[in-house]
Protein backbone atom coordinates (compact mmCIF):
# COMPACT_ATOMS: atom_id res chain seq x y z
CA MET A 1 -0.40 45.25 120.64
CA ALA A 2 -1.40 44.09 117.18
CA LYS A 3 -0.71 46.20 114.10
CA GLN A 4 -3.59 48.14 112.56
CA GLU A 5 -3.82 45.88 109.54
CA ASP A 6 -3.80 42.75 111.81
CA LYS A 7 -6.67 44.18 113.92
CA ARG A 8 -8.51 45.13 110.76
CA ALA A 9 -8.08 41.56 109.37
CA LYS A 10 -9.25 39.97 112.66
CA PHE A 11 -12.34 42.20 112.66
CA LEU A 12 -13.24 41.32 109.07
CA LYS A 13 -12.80 37.58 109.70
CA ILE A 14 -15.07 37.82 112.80
CA TYR A 15 -17.58 40.02 110.93
CA ALA A 16 -17.86 37.46 108.13
CA ASP A 17 -18.88 34.80 110.66
CA ILE A 18 -21.50 36.91 112.35
CA PRO A 19 -25.04 35.95 111.31
CA ASP A 20 -26.89 38.70 109.41
CA GLY A 21 -29.51 39.01 112.14
CA LEU A 22 -26.85 39.95 114.76
CA ARG A 23 -25.11 42.50 112.58
CA LYS A 24 -27.63 45.15 113.69
CA ASP A 25 -26.61 44.71 117.29
CA ILE A 26 -24.54 47.39 118.98
CA ILE A 27 -20.98 46.31 119.71
CA VAL A 28 -19.27 49.45 120.79
CA VAL A 29 -20.06 52.95 122.07
CA ILE A 30 -17.61 55.71 121.28
CA GLU A 31 -18.16 59.29 122.43
CA LYS A 32 -21.67 58.37 123.60
CA LYS A 33 -22.62 57.11 120.13
CA PRO A 34 -23.52 53.42 119.58
CA TYR A 35 -22.12 51.51 116.56
CA THR A 36 -23.40 48.22 115.26
CA TRP A 37 -21.48 45.44 113.64
CA ASN A 38 -22.63 46.96 110.27
CA THR A 39 -21.58 50.54 110.92
CA ALA A 40 -18.31 49.40 112.44
CA PHE A 41 -17.67 47.28 109.29
CA ILE A 42 -18.17 50.32 107.10
CA GLU A 43 -15.85 52.49 109.10
CA ILE A 44 -13.20 49.85 109.34
CA GLU A 45 -13.48 48.83 105.71
CA GLU A 46 -13.01 52.50 104.65
CA ASN A 47 -10.05 52.81 107.08
CA THR A 48 -11.45 55.99 108.71
CA ALA A 49 -10.24 57.66 111.85
CA LEU A 50 -13.45 56.41 113.51
CA GLY A 51 -12.73 52.97 112.24
CA LYS A 52 -9.33 52.96 113.97
CA LYS A 53 -10.98 54.12 117.17
CA ILE A 54 -13.50 51.25 116.88
CA LEU A 55 -10.72 48.76 116.41
CA LYS A 56 -8.88 50.08 119.45
CA VAL A 57 -11.93 49.65 121.59
CA LEU A 58 -12.67 46.21 120.21
CA GLU A 59 -9.13 45.13 120.99
CA ASP A 60 -9.34 46.65 124.53
CA ILE A 61 -12.53 44.68 125.30
CA LYS A 62 -11.09 41.53 123.73
CA ILE A 63 -13.52 41.12 120.84
CA ILE A 64 -10.57 41.03 118.42
């Protein structure tokens, strides 16, 4: 399993390559709440507990 900072760096690299029009698309649902690329970016960038959950799910589903 990748370290938290490694997962974060992978996400940020992928996010940078996502076209602006796709950043509004939902990429993950946690606790029945949908999160887009943009909202995931904010949570991950701020290193919140939710951001860590998002990274875990993204790793589990092989996005990062």
